[in-house]
């Protein structure tokens, strides 16, 4: 291992790899979140709902998508261990 001259902390031997499941989860959560932005009129028409009940459904979808993005971001990088 080498020492970084700037802060005295050890640098990793190899860059961290991406967790593919977290990356897929991140992409799906973003797609769901963006789709939820345009879903309000469709939900109102399909389920014959007024604005506030349909908005509540979209709000729940957006909260789930936000949680998916946060969880995926925390799990995105994996440490590589040698031997």
Protein backbone atom coordinates (compact mmCIF):
# COMPACT_ATOMS: atom_id res chain seq x y z
CA UNK A 1 0.00 0.00 0.00
CA UNK A 2 1.09 3.53 -0.59
CA UNK A 3 0.67 6.54 1.62
CA UNK A 4 -1.02 9.67 0.36
CA UNK A 5 1.24 12.63 1.10
CA UNK A 6 -1.71 15.00 1.55
CA UNK A 7 -3.63 13.48 4.45
CA UNK A 8 -1.58 10.58 5.80
CA UNK A 9 -4.35 8.05 5.10
CA UNK A 10 -3.75 4.85 3.19
CA UNK A 11 -4.96 4.63 -0.39
CA UNK A 12 -6.70 1.46 -1.53
CA UNK A 13 -4.79 -0.95 -3.75
CA UNK A 14 -7.57 -1.09 -6.32
CA UNK A 15 -10.55 1.11 -7.10
CA UNK A 16 -13.88 0.06 -5.69
CA UNK A 17 -16.07 -1.96 -8.02
CA UNK A 18 -19.72 -1.19 -8.71
CA UNK A 19 -22.38 -3.42 -7.22
CA UNK A 20 -24.42 -4.40 -10.30
CA UNK A 21 -27.60 -5.12 -8.32
CA UNK A 22 -27.43 -1.69 -6.71
CA UNK A 23 -26.84 -0.09 -10.10
CA UNK A 24 -29.88 -1.86 -11.57
CA UNK A 25 -31.92 -0.85 -8.52
CA UNK A 26 -30.80 2.75 -8.94
CA UNK A 27 -31.77 2.82 -12.61
CA UNK A 28 -35.17 1.21 -11.94
CA UNK A 29 -35.88 3.58 -9.05
CA UNK A 30 -35.11 6.60 -11.22
CA UNK A 31 -37.34 5.25 -14.01
CA UNK A 32 -40.18 4.65 -11.54
CA UNK A 33 -39.70 8.11 -10.05
CA UNK A 34 -39.75 9.85 -13.42
CA UNK A 35 -42.72 7.77 -14.55
CA UNK A 36 -44.57 8.68 -11.37
CA UNK A 37 -44.31 12.34 -12.28
CA UNK A 38 -46.47 11.72 -15.35
CA UNK A 39 -48.78 9.11 -13.81
CA UNK A 40 -51.23 11.43 -12.05
CA UNK A 41 -53.60 12.01 -15.01
CA UNK A 42 -53.49 8.33 -15.96
CA UNK A 43 -54.30 7.22 -12.41
CA UNK A 44 -57.19 9.68 -12.24
CA UNK A 45 -58.68 8.38 -15.49
CA UNK A 46 -58.05 4.65 -14.95
CA UNK A 47 -59.33 4.45 -11.37
CA UNK A 48 -61.91 7.26 -11.61
CA UNK A 49 -60.31 9.09 -8.66
CA UNK A 50 -60.38 12.72 -7.65
CA UNK A 51 -57.13 14.72 -7.49
CA UNK A 52 -56.13 14.13 -3.85
CA UNK A 53 -56.56 10.32 -3.73
CA UNK A 54 -54.66 10.01 -7.02
CA UNK A 55 -52.00 12.42 -5.76
CA UNK A 56 -51.61 10.28 -2.61
CA UNK A 57 -50.94 7.21 -4.77
CA UNK A 58 -48.34 9.13 -6.79
CA UNK A 59 -46.80 10.43 -3.56
CA UNK A 60 -46.39 6.87 -2.26
CA UNK A 61 -44.82 5.82 -5.57
CA UNK A 62 -42.38 8.75 -5.37
CA UNK A 63 -41.45 7.95 -1.76
CA UNK A 64 -40.75 4.32 -2.67
CA UNK A 65 -38.63 5.45 -5.63
CA UNK A 66 -36.72 7.88 -3.38
CA UNK A 67 -36.05 5.12 -0.85
CA UNK A 68 -34.83 2.89 -3.69
CA UNK A 69 -32.41 5.58 -4.88
CA UNK A 70 -31.04 6.17 -1.37
CA UNK A 71 -30.59 2.48 -0.62
CA UNK A 72 -28.97 1.86 -4.00
CA UNK A 73 -26.55 4.75 -3.53
CA UNK A 74 -25.41 3.35 -0.16
CA UNK A 75 -24.82 -0.08 -1.71
CA UNK A 76 -23.33 1.09 -5.02
CA UNK A 77 -19.63 0.63 -4.27
CA UNK A 78 -18.06 -2.57 -3.00
CA UNK A 79 -14.62 -2.87 -1.41
CA UNK A 80 -12.32 -5.31 -3.16
CA UNK A 81 -10.47 -7.64 -0.82
CA UNK A 82 -7.29 -9.43 -1.79
CA UNK A 83 -6.17 -12.79 -0.48
